[in-house]
Amino acid sequence: MKTVKIIGVPEHFNLPWHLAMEDNAFEDRGIQLEWTDIPEGTGKMTQMLQDGEADMGIILTEGIIKSISQGNPSKIVQEYVSSPLLWGIHVDANSDRQSITSLKDDKIAISRMGSGSHLMAYINAQNQGWDTKNLEFEIVNNLDGAVENLTNGSNAYFMWEHFTTKPLVDNGTFKRVGDCPTPWPCFVMAASDAFLKENAGVLRHILEVINTYTSEFKQIPSIDRTLSNRYEQKLEDTQEWLSKTTWGQEQLSEETMNEVQSRLYDLNLIEEVKDASKFLWK
């Protein structure tokens, strides 16, 4: 039995992995998949891949591209979620701010540097026509840290996946002032070069299994209720999220790869646009 250490966020996007593991679908191929939830998100996951603490990660596209560009010895092996991620933009519920434009000079709470919450703050600022050199950040580690930060009067705003934070909007912890979708497929599967060098065959088995589960995921009877119960979300929110979400079963295109790099380069978040082969596993 080959043990593979895999990491991902504790969010509804990753239910196909958990269902496959519960069905012993990987074990049937001789693979012991060890899943670890990483609430801190992409910044922490890129570090774990780089440090050899994980073999594979289900990770935000822009975050892993930035990390590989800066020397992380890893590769993108495939798209995972091919639809955009809808980033909710949040302030404390008692704040008098009502729109994205009202946030122009405010600090931004982020999980860590290099995370999605960090990189998407730049994308949002660019979309708004703000000077991205003026952005200031407060590191809050995870969603719980953001709740503490915003509710204790920091006056920062916080970007996180719309449906994950929806219960906090509903219960009066956060107010959402707008959304910012990623301009590209949001999640990819990445693996360390060290793992890829020795385990190309194992990886192909993993991809075959997960691609079967993601391609059939929406057809699972009552999957909306399963998601709603597991992730403690309202059924109608889960149904809306499902309607917007598409899983991918192909490698990320070079065109998308270059588009993400170009955007990160324009924002001075990477030093150069590199050939797609530096990032994509063949």
C-alpha atoms as a PDB file:
ATOM      1  CA  MET A   1       0.000   0.000   0.000  1.00  0.00           C
ATOM      2  CA  LYS A   2       1.488   3.336  -1.096  1.00  0.00           C
ATOM      3  CA  THR A   3       0.866   6.209   1.354  1.00  0.00           C
ATOM      4  CA  VAL A   4       0.206   9.623  -0.211  1.00  0.00           C
ATOM      5  CA  LYS A   5      -0.098  12.751   1.960  1.00  0.00           C
ATOM      6  CA  ILE A   6      -2.668  15.145   0.512  1.00  0.00           C
ATOM      7  CA  ILE A   7      -3.874  18.511   1.823  1.00  0.00           C
ATOM      8  CA  GLY A   8      -6.848  20.777   1.121  1.00  0.00           C
ATOM      9  CA  VAL A   9      -9.190  23.302   2.684  1.00  0.00           C
ATOM     10  CA  PRO A  10     -12.044  22.036   4.908  1.00  0.00           C
ATOM     11  CA  GLU A  11     -14.672  23.248   2.439  1.00  0.00           C
ATOM     12  CA  HIS A  12     -17.475  21.783   0.333  1.00  0.00           C
ATOM     13  CA  PHE A  13     -15.342  21.771  -2.860  1.00  0.00           C
ATOM     14  CA  ASN A  14     -13.396  18.799  -1.516  1.00  0.00           C
ATOM     15  CA  LEU A  15     -16.296  16.471  -0.688  1.00  0.00           C
ATOM     16  CA  PRO A  16     -15.552  14.270  -3.779  1.00  0.00           C
ATOM     17  CA  TRP A  17     -12.215  13.318  -2.183  1.00  0.00           C
ATOM     18  CA  HIS A  18     -13.842  12.360   1.101  1.00  0.00           C
ATOM     19  CA  LEU A  19     -16.549  10.308  -0.607  1.00  0.00           C
ATOM     20  CA  ALA A  20     -13.903   8.445  -2.629  1.00  0.00           C
ATOM     21  CA  MET A  21     -11.901   7.734   0.526  1.00  0.00           C
ATOM     22  CA  GLU A  22     -15.010   6.555   2.382  1.00  0.00           C
ATOM     23  CA  ASP A  23     -15.682   4.169  -0.517  1.00  0.00           C
ATOM     24  CA  ASN A  24     -12.083   2.861  -0.291  1.00  0.00           C
ATOM     25  CA  ALA A  25     -11.708   3.793  -3.968  1.00  0.00           C
ATOM     26  CA  PHE A  26      -8.016   4.640  -3.540  1.00  0.00           C
ATOM     27  CA  GLU A  27      -7.276   1.628  -1.340  1.00  0.00           C
ATOM     28  CA  ASP A  28      -8.682  -0.585  -4.098  1.00  0.00           C
ATOM     29  CA  ARG A  29      -5.780   0.734  -6.219  1.00  0.00           C
ATOM     30  CA  GLY A  30      -3.223   0.081  -3.477  1.00  0.00           C
ATOM     31  CA  ILE A  31      -3.083   3.722  -2.356  1.00  0.00           C
ATOM     32  CA  GLN A  32      -3.487   4.900   1.252  1.00  0.00           C
ATOM     33  CA  LEU A  33      -4.543   8.544   0.908  1.00  0.00           C
ATOM     34  CA  GLU A  34      -3.851  10.527   4.096  1.00  0.00           C
ATOM     35  CA  TRP A  35      -5.958  13.698   3.961  1.00  0.00           C
ATOM     36  CA  THR A  36      -5.207  16.713   6.190  1.00  0.00           C
ATOM     37  CA  ASP A  37      -7.497  19.753   6.357  1.00  0.00           C
ATOM     38  CA  ILE A  38      -5.604  23.064   6.227  1.00  0.00           C
ATOM     39  CA  PRO A  39      -7.920  25.855   7.480  1.00  0.00           C
ATOM     40  CA  GLU A  40      -5.187  28.462   6.868  1.00  0.00           C
ATOM     41  CA  GLY A  41      -5.569  27.882   3.120  1.00  0.00           C
ATOM     42  CA  THR A  42      -3.267  28.229   0.129  1.00  0.00           C
ATOM     43  CA  GLY A  43      -0.348  30.168   1.660  1.00  0.00           C
ATOM     44  CA  LYS A  44       0.162  27.444   4.256  1.00  0.00           C
ATOM     45  CA  MET A  45      -0.350  24.656   1.689  1.00  0.00           C
ATOM     46  CA  THR A  46       2.263  25.991  -0.729  1.00  0.00           C
ATOM     47  CA  GLN A  47       4.720  26.079   2.185  1.00  0.00           C
ATOM     48  CA  MET A  48       3.900  22.471   3.122  1.00  0.00           C
ATOM     49  CA  LEU A  49       4.477  21.275  -0.466  1.00  0.00           C
ATOM     50  CA  GLN A  50       7.754  23.173  -0.579  1.00  0.00           C
ATOM     51  CA  ASP A  51       8.909  21.761   2.781  1.00  0.00           C
ATOM     52  CA  GLY A  52       8.038  18.159   1.880  1.00  0.00           C
ATOM     53  CA  GLU A  53       5.250  17.949   4.485  1.00  0.00           C
ATOM     54  CA  ALA A  54       2.725  17.007   1.786  1.00  0.00           C
ATOM     55  CA  ASP A  55       2.875  15.139  -1.527  1.00  0.00           C
ATOM     56  CA  MET A  56      -0.202  16.714  -3.120  1.00  0.00           C
ATOM     57  CA  GLY A  57      -2.471  19.693  -2.507  1.00  0.00           C
ATOM     58  CA  ILE A  58      -5.868  20.894  -3.740  1.00  0.00           C
ATOM     59  CA  ILE A  59      -4.924  24.519  -4.000  1.00  0.00           C
ATOM     60  CA  LEU A  60      -5.924  27.888  -5.441  1.00  0.00           C
ATOM     61  CA  THR A  61      -4.608  28.399  -8.972  1.00  0.00           C
ATOM     62  CA  GLU A  62      -3.110  31.859  -8.483  1.00  0.00           C
ATOM     63  CA  GLY A  63      -1.461  30.877  -5.188  1.00  0.00           C
ATOM     64  CA  ILE A  64       0.419  27.835  -6.489  1.00  0.00           C
ATOM     65  CA  ILE A  65       1.449  29.661  -9.685  1.00  0.00           C
ATOM     66  CA  LYS A  66       2.967  32.489  -7.630  1.00  0.00           C
ATOM     67  CA  SER A  67       4.697  29.978  -5.365  1.00  0.00           C
ATOM     68  CA  ILE A  68       6.164  27.889  -8.222  1.00  0.00           C
ATOM     69  CA  SER A  69       7.302  31.083  -9.951  1.00  0.00           C
ATOM     70  CA  GLN A  70       9.214  31.935  -6.779  1.00  0.00           C
ATOM     71  CA  GLY A  71      10.963  28.562  -6.645  1.00  0.00           C
ATOM     72  CA  ASN A  72       8.556  26.063  -5.050  1.00  0.00           C
ATOM     73  CA  PRO A  73       9.655  22.674  -6.517  1.00  0.00           C
ATOM     74  CA  SER A  74       6.119  21.556  -7.433  1.00  0.00           C
ATOM     75  CA  LYS A  75       3.911  21.201 -10.506  1.00  0.00           C
ATOM     76  CA  ILE A  76       0.239  21.616 -11.340  1.00  0.00           C
ATOM     77  CA  VAL A  77      -0.996  18.170 -12.342  1.00  0.00           C
ATOM     78  CA  GLN A  78      -4.575  19.042 -13.315  1.00  0.00           C
ATOM     79  CA  GLU A  79      -7.476  21.453 -12.941  1.00  0.00           C
ATOM     80  CA  TYR A  80      -9.764  20.535 -10.054  1.00  0.00           C
ATOM     81  CA  VAL A  81     -12.551  23.137 -10.060  1.00  0.00           C
ATOM     82  CA  SER A  82     -12.791  24.756 -13.483  1.00  0.00           C
ATOM     83  CA  SER A  83     -15.377  27.405 -12.573  1.00  0.00           C
ATOM     84  CA  PRO A  84     -14.358  30.697 -10.883  1.00  0.00           C
ATOM     85  CA  LEU A  85     -14.276  31.087  -7.097  1.00  0.00           C
ATOM     86  CA  LEU A  86     -16.683  33.717  -5.807  1.00  0.00           C
ATOM     87  CA  TRP A  87     -14.820  35.750  -3.183  1.00  0.00           C
ATOM     88  CA  GLY A  88     -17.146  37.514  -0.761  1.00  0.00           C
ATOM     89  CA  ILE A  89     -15.834  40.860   0.521  1.00  0.00           C
ATOM     90  CA  HIS A  90     -16.726  41.274   4.193  1.00  0.00           C
ATOM     91  CA  VAL A  91     -16.685  43.871   6.949  1.00  0.00           C
ATOM     92  CA  ASP A  92     -17.886  43.723  10.534  1.00  0.00           C
ATOM     93  CA  ALA A  93     -21.687  43.557  10.600  1.00  0.00           C
ATOM     94  CA  ASN A  94     -21.879  46.809  12.604  1.00  0.00           C
ATOM     95  CA  SER A  95     -19.766  48.773  10.131  1.00  0.00           C
ATOM     96  CA  ASP A  96     -21.459  51.617   8.254  1.00  0.00           C
ATOM     97  CA  ARG A  97     -19.626  50.697   5.024  1.00  0.00           C
ATOM     98  CA  GLN A  98     -22.043  49.484   2.353  1.00  0.00           C
ATOM     99  CA  SER A  99     -20.036  49.043  -0.865  1.00  0.00           C
ATOM    100  CA  ILE A 100     -16.672  47.894  -2.230  1.00  0.00           C
ATOM    101  CA  THR A 101     -15.799  51.503  -3.136  1.00  0.00           C
ATOM    102  CA  SER A 102     -16.034  52.508   0.545  1.00  0.00           C
ATOM    103  CA  LEU A 103     -13.094  50.170   1.372  1.00  0.00           C
ATOM    104  CA  LYS A 104     -10.479  51.972  -0.748  1.00  0.00           C
ATOM    105  CA  ASP A 105      -8.198  53.137   2.107  1.00  0.00           C
ATOM    106  CA  ASP A 106      -8.913  50.330   4.588  1.00  0.00           C
ATOM    107  CA  LYS A 107      -6.567  47.580   5.725  1.00  0.00           C
ATOM    108  CA  ILE A 108      -7.216  44.023   4.527  1.00  0.00           C
ATOM    109  CA  ALA A 109      -7.326  40.986   6.810  1.00  0.00           C
ATOM    110  CA  ILE A 110      -5.635  38.012   5.105  1.00  0.00           C
ATOM    111  CA  SER A 111      -4.801  34.470   6.191  1.00  0.00           C
ATOM    112  CA  ARG A 112      -1.124  34.897   5.210  1.00  0.00           C
ATOM    113  CA  MET A 113       1.062  36.368   2.487  1.00  0.00           C
ATOM    114  CA  GLY A 114       0.756  34.427  -0.777  1.00  0.00           C
ATOM    115  CA  SER A 115      -2.711  33.156   0.148  1.00  0.00           C
ATOM    116  CA  GLY A 116      -5.817  33.583  -1.978  1.00  0.00           C
ATOM    117  CA  SER A 117      -7.131  36.259   0.386  1.00  0.00           C
ATOM    118  CA  HIS A 118      -3.874  38.181  -0.179  1.00  0.00           C
ATOM    119  CA  LEU A 119      -3.637  37.778  -3.975  1.00  0.00           C
ATOM    120  CA  MET A 120      -7.342  38.378  -4.643  1.00  0.00           C
ATOM    121  CA  ALA A 121      -7.162  41.634  -2.652  1.00  0.00           C
ATOM    122  CA  TYR A 122      -4.808  42.856  -5.393  1.00  0.00           C
ATOM    123  CA  ILE A 123      -7.112  41.607  -8.162  1.00  0.00           C
ATOM    124  CA  ASN A 124     -10.079  43.344  -6.525  1.00  0.00           C
ATOM    125  CA  ALA A 125      -8.128  46.586  -6.048  1.00  0.00           C
ATOM    126  CA  GLN A 126      -7.017  46.498  -9.692  1.00  0.00           C
ATOM    127  CA  ASN A 127     -10.631  45.888 -10.773  1.00  0.00           C
ATOM    128  CA  GLN A 128     -11.654  48.985  -8.759  1.00  0.00           C
ATOM    129  CA  GLY A 129      -8.909  51.136 -10.264  1.00  0.00           C
ATOM    130  CA  TRP A 130      -7.155  51.629  -6.896  1.00  0.00           C
ATOM    131  CA  ASP A 131      -3.396  52.067  -6.533  1.00  0.00           C
ATOM    132  CA  THR A 132      -2.301  48.572  -5.462  1.00  0.00           C
ATOM    133  CA  LYS A 133       0.940  49.946  -3.967  1.00  0.00           C
ATOM    134  CA  ASN A 134      -1.131  51.384  -1.111  1.00  0.00           C
ATOM    135  CA  LEU A 135      -2.629  48.094   0.095  1.00  0.00           C
ATOM    136  CA  GLU A 136      -1.941  47.268   3.752  1.00  0.00           C
ATOM    137  CA  PHE A 137      -2.497  43.834   5.310  1.00  0.00           C
ATOM    138  CA  GLU A 138      -3.164  42.279   8.701  1.00  0.00           C
ATOM    139  CA  ILE A 139      -2.408  38.553   9.005  1.00  0.00           C
ATOM    140  CA  VAL A 140      -5.228  36.647  10.748  1.00  0.00           C
ATOM    141  CA  ASN A 141      -4.273  33.008   9.862  1.00  0.00           C
ATOM    142  CA  ASN A 142      -7.744  31.624   9.117  1.00  0.00           C
ATOM    143  CA  LEU A 143     -11.485  32.297   9.132  1.00  0.00           C
ATOM    144  CA  ASP A 144     -11.721  32.198  12.944  1.00  0.00           C
ATOM    145  CA  GLY A 145      -8.906  34.748  13.110  1.00  0.00           C
ATOM    146  CA  ALA A 146     -10.776  36.987  10.680  1.00  0.00           C
ATOM    147  CA  VAL A 147     -13.920  36.847  12.832  1.00  0.00           C
ATOM    148  CA  GLU A 148     -11.868  37.889  15.870  1.00  0.00           C
ATOM    149  CA  ASN A 149     -10.086  40.639  13.915  1.00  0.00           C
ATOM    150  CA  LEU A 150     -13.162  42.221  12.324  1.00  0.00           C
ATOM    151  CA  THR A 151     -15.444  41.992  15.361  1.00  0.00           C
ATOM    152  CA  ASN A 152     -12.811  43.528  17.662  1.00  0.00           C
ATOM    153  CA  GLY A 153     -12.798  46.820  15.800  1.00  0.00           C
ATOM    154  CA  SER A 154      -9.911  46.467  13.319  1.00  0.00           C
ATOM    155  CA  ASN A 155     -11.973  48.175  10.583  1.00  0.00           C
ATOM    156  CA  ALA A 156     -10.262  45.845   8.073  1.00  0.00           C
ATOM    157  CA  TYR A 157     -12.116  44.025   5.333  1.00  0.00           C
ATOM    158  CA  PHE A 158     -11.750  40.328   4.606  1.00  0.00           C
ATOM    159  CA  MET A 159     -12.115  38.281   1.411  1.00  0.00           C
ATOM    160  CA  TRP A 160     -13.105  34.599   1.641  1.00  0.00           C
ATOM    161  CA  GLU A 161     -15.196  32.152  -0.365  1.00  0.00           C
ATOM    162  CA  HIS A 162     -18.786  33.473  -0.559  1.00  0.00           C
ATOM    163  CA  PHE A 163     -20.637  30.321   0.491  1.00  0.00           C
ATOM    164  CA  THR A 164     -18.209  29.339   3.263  1.00  0.00           C
ATOM    165  CA  THR A 165     -18.767  32.708   4.944  1.00  0.00           C
ATOM    166  CA  LYS A 166     -22.529  32.880   4.197  1.00  0.00           C
ATOM    167  CA  PRO A 167     -23.501  31.477   7.643  1.00  0.00           C
ATOM    168  CA  LEU A 168     -21.452  34.289   9.253  1.00  0.00           C
ATOM    169  CA  VAL A 169     -23.322  36.843   7.142  1.00  0.00           C
ATOM    170  CA  ASP A 170     -26.656  35.234   8.027  1.00  0.00           C
ATOM    171  CA  ASN A 171     -25.948  35.231  11.783  1.00  0.00           C
ATOM    172  CA  GLY A 172     -24.867  38.876  11.867  1.00  0.00           C
ATOM    173  CA  THR A 173     -21.111  38.431  12.357  1.00  0.00           C
ATOM    174  CA  PHE A 174     -20.093  39.797   8.943  1.00  0.00           C
ATOM    175  CA  LYS A 175     -21.694  42.113   6.406  1.00  0.00           C
ATOM    176  CA  ARG A 176     -20.914  41.352   2.752  1.00  0.00           C
ATOM    177  CA  VAL A 177     -20.429  44.495   0.673  1.00  0.00           C
ATOM    178  CA  GLY A 178     -19.776  42.727  -2.624  1.00  0.00           C
ATOM    179  CA  ASP A 179     -18.159  39.808  -4.452  1.00  0.00           C
ATOM    180  CA  CYS A 180     -15.071  39.369  -6.606  1.00  0.00           C
ATOM    181  CA  PRO A 181     -14.888  36.247  -8.834  1.00  0.00           C
ATOM    182  CA  THR A 182     -11.530  34.812  -9.894  1.00  0.00           C
ATOM    183  CA  PRO A 183     -10.903  35.442 -13.613  1.00  0.00           C
ATOM    184  CA  TRP A 184      -9.793  31.797 -14.085  1.00  0.00           C
ATOM    185  CA  PRO A 185     -10.468  28.185 -12.933  1.00  0.00           C
ATOM    186  CA  CYS A 186     -10.126  28.419  -9.167  1.00  0.00           C
ATOM    187  CA  PHE A 187      -8.661  25.146  -7.850  1.00  0.00           C
ATOM    188  CA  VAL A 188      -5.932  22.896  -9.216  1.00  0.00           C
ATOM    189  CA  MET A 189      -4.236  19.742  -7.978  1.00  0.00           C
ATOM    190  CA  ALA A 190      -0.534  20.225  -7.390  1.00  0.00           C
ATOM    191  CA  ALA A 191       2.204  17.786  -6.396  1.00  0.00           C
ATOM    192  CA  SER A 192       5.797  18.171  -5.287  1.00  0.00           C
ATOM    193  CA  ASP A 193       8.521  17.402  -7.817  1.00  0.00           C
ATOM    194  CA  ALA A 194       9.949  14.833  -5.374  1.00  0.00           C
ATOM    195  CA  PHE A 195       6.642  12.941  -5.351  1.00  0.00           C
ATOM    196  CA  LEU A 196       6.188  13.197  -9.129  1.00  0.00           C
ATOM    197  CA  LYS A 197       9.670  11.879  -9.840  1.00  0.00           C
ATOM    198  CA  GLU A 198       8.972   8.554  -8.085  1.00  0.00           C
ATOM    199  CA  ASN A 199       5.189   8.169  -8.369  1.00  0.00           C
ATOM    200  CA  ALA A 200       3.876   9.072 -11.835  1.00  0.00           C
ATOM    201  CA  GLY A 201       1.939   5.783 -12.004  1.00  0.00           C
ATOM    202  CA  VAL A 202       0.428   6.285  -8.525  1.00  0.00           C
ATOM    203  CA  LEU A 203      -0.650   9.802  -9.524  1.00  0.00           C
ATOM    204  CA  ARG A 204      -2.386   8.505 -12.655  1.00  0.00           C
ATOM    205  CA  HIS A 205      -4.417   6.116 -10.495  1.00  0.00           C
ATOM    206  CA  ILE A 206      -5.350   8.966  -8.126  1.00  0.00           C
ATOM    207  CA  LEU A 207      -6.459  11.154 -11.041  1.00  0.00           C
ATOM    208  CA  GLU A 208      -8.541   8.338 -12.557  1.00  0.00           C
ATOM    209  CA  VAL A 209     -10.383   7.851  -9.265  1.00  0.00           C
ATOM    210  CA  ILE A 210     -11.022  11.507  -8.446  1.00  0.00           C
ATOM    211  CA  ASN A 211     -12.012  12.368 -12.031  1.00  0.00           C
ATOM    212  CA  THR A 212     -14.639   9.627 -11.912  1.00  0.00           C
ATOM    213  CA  TYR A 213     -16.034  11.064  -8.677  1.00  0.00           C
ATOM    214  CA  THR A 214     -16.032  14.693  -9.811  1.00  0.00           C
ATOM    215  CA  SER A 215     -17.582  13.947 -13.209  1.00  0.00           C
ATOM    216  CA  GLU A 216     -20.465  12.073 -11.520  1.00  0.00           C
ATOM    217  CA  PHE A 217     -20.681  14.253  -8.383  1.00  0.00           C
ATOM    218  CA  LYS A 218     -23.745  16.310  -9.274  1.00  0.00           C
ATOM    219  CA  GLN A 219     -25.689  13.155 -10.202  1.00  0.00           C
ATOM    220  CA  ILE A 220     -25.356  11.638  -6.711  1.00  0.00           C
ATOM    221  CA  PRO A 221     -28.885  11.374  -5.218  1.00  0.00           C
ATOM    222  CA  SER A 222     -29.527  14.127  -2.615  1.00  0.00           C
ATOM    223  CA  ILE A 223     -25.964  15.425  -2.892  1.00  0.00           C
ATOM    224  CA  ASP A 224     -27.301  18.906  -2.089  1.00  0.00           C
ATOM    225  CA  ARG A 225     -28.619  17.658   1.270  1.00  0.00           C
ATOM    226  CA  THR A 226     -25.408  15.776   2.024  1.00  0.00           C
ATOM    227  CA  LEU A 227     -23.382  18.941   1.387  1.00  0.00           C
ATOM    228  CA  SER A 228     -25.792  21.078   3.394  1.00  0.00           C
ATOM    229  CA  ASN A 229     -25.601  18.759   6.412  1.00  0.00           C
ATOM    230  CA  ARG A 230     -21.853  18.171   6.327  1.00  0.00           C
ATOM    231  CA  TYR A 231     -20.871  21.799   5.897  1.00  0.00           C
ATOM    232  CA  GLU A 232     -23.698  23.296   7.989  1.00  0.00           C
ATOM    233  CA  GLN A 233     -25.113  25.448   5.230  1.00  0.00           C
ATOM    234  CA  LYS A 234     -28.659  26.254   4.184  1.00  0.00           C
ATOM    235  CA  LEU A 235     -29.991  23.920   1.499  1.00  0.00           C
ATOM    236  CA  GLU A 236     -30.798  26.786  -0.887  1.00  0.00           C
ATOM    237  CA  ASP A 237     -27.231  28.137  -0.549  1.00  0.00           C
ATOM    238  CA  THR A 238     -25.803  24.704  -1.286  1.00  0.00           C
ATOM    239  CA  GLN A 239     -28.043  24.374  -4.338  1.00  0.00           C
ATOM    240  CA  GLU A 240     -26.972  27.797  -5.634  1.00  0.00           C
ATOM    241  CA  TRP A 241     -23.294  26.907  -5.089  1.00  0.00           C
ATOM    242  CA  LEU A 242     -23.727  23.573  -6.909  1.00  0.00           C
ATOM    243  CA  SER A 243     -25.347  25.341  -9.867  1.00  0.00           C
ATOM    244  CA  LYS A 244     -22.303  27.642 -10.197  1.00  0.00           C
ATOM    245  CA  THR A 245     -19.582  25.011  -9.711  1.00  0.00           C
ATOM    246  CA  THR A 246     -17.947  22.824 -12.361  1.00  0.00           C
ATOM    247  CA  TRP A 247     -15.202  20.284 -11.727  1.00  0.00           C
ATOM    248  CA  GLY A 248     -12.477  19.831 -14.342  1.00  0.00           C
ATOM    249  CA  GLN A 249     -10.789  16.627 -15.458  1.00  0.00           C
ATOM    250  CA  GLU A 250      -8.073  18.045 -17.746  1.00  0.00           C
ATOM    251  CA  GLN A 251      -4.710  19.733 -17.308  1.00  0.00           C
ATOM    252  CA  LEU A 252      -4.786  23.527 -16.921  1.00  0.00           C
ATOM    253  CA  SER A 253      -4.339  25.122 -20.352  1.00  0.00           C
ATOM    254  CA  GLU A 254      -1.158  27.006 -21.217  1.00  0.00           C
ATOM    255  CA  GLU A 255      -3.378  29.947 -22.173  1.00  0.00           C
ATOM    256  CA  THR A 256      -4.861  30.111 -18.666  1.00  0.00           C
ATOM    257  CA  MET A 257      -1.414  29.569 -17.161  1.00  0.00           C
ATOM    258  CA  ASN A 258      -0.066  32.592 -19.049  1.00  0.00           C
ATOM    259  CA  GLU A 259      -3.131  34.703 -18.241  1.00  0.00           C
ATOM    260  CA  VAL A 260      -2.661  34.163 -14.493  1.00  0.00           C
ATOM    261  CA  GLN A 261       1.060  34.883 -14.726  1.00  0.00           C
ATOM    262  CA  SER A 262       0.442  38.074 -16.721  1.00  0.00           C
ATOM    263  CA  ARG A 263      -2.008  39.349 -14.111  1.00  0.00           C
ATOM    264  CA  LEU A 264       0.367  38.538 -11.228  1.00  0.00           C
ATOM    265  CA  TYR A 265       3.246  40.177 -13.126  1.00  0.00           C
ATOM    266  CA  ASP A 266       1.190  43.354 -13.757  1.00  0.00           C
ATOM    267  CA  LEU A 267       0.590  43.523  -9.999  1.00  0.00           C
ATOM    268  CA  ASN A 268       4.321  43.092  -9.231  1.00  0.00           C
ATOM    269  CA  LEU A 269       3.563  39.838  -7.412  1.00  0.00           C
ATOM    270  CA  ILE A 270       5.978  37.795  -9.563  1.00  0.00           C
ATOM    271  CA  GLU A 271       9.218  38.915 -11.206  1.00  0.00           C
ATOM    272  CA  GLU A 272       8.727  37.460 -14.687  1.00  0.00           C
ATOM    273  CA  VAL A 273       6.375  35.435 -16.897  1.00  0.00           C
ATOM    274  CA  LYS A 274       7.937  31.992 -17.357  1.00  0.00           C
ATOM    275  CA  ASP A 275       7.295  29.208 -19.836  1.00  0.00           C
ATOM    276  CA  ALA A 276       4.226  27.123 -18.948  1.00  0.00           C
ATOM    277  CA  SER A 277       6.379  23.976 -18.810  1.00  0.00           C
ATOM    278  CA  LYS A 278       7.884  25.286 -15.529  1.00  0.00           C
ATOM    279  CA  PHE A 279       4.447  24.893 -13.930  1.00  0.00           C
ATOM    280  CA  LEU A 280       2.577  22.083 -15.675  1.00  0.00           C
ATOM    281  CA  TRP A 281       3.206  18.354 -15.230  1.00  0.00           C
ATOM    282  CA  LYS A 282       3.291  16.427 -18.487  1.00  0.00           C
END
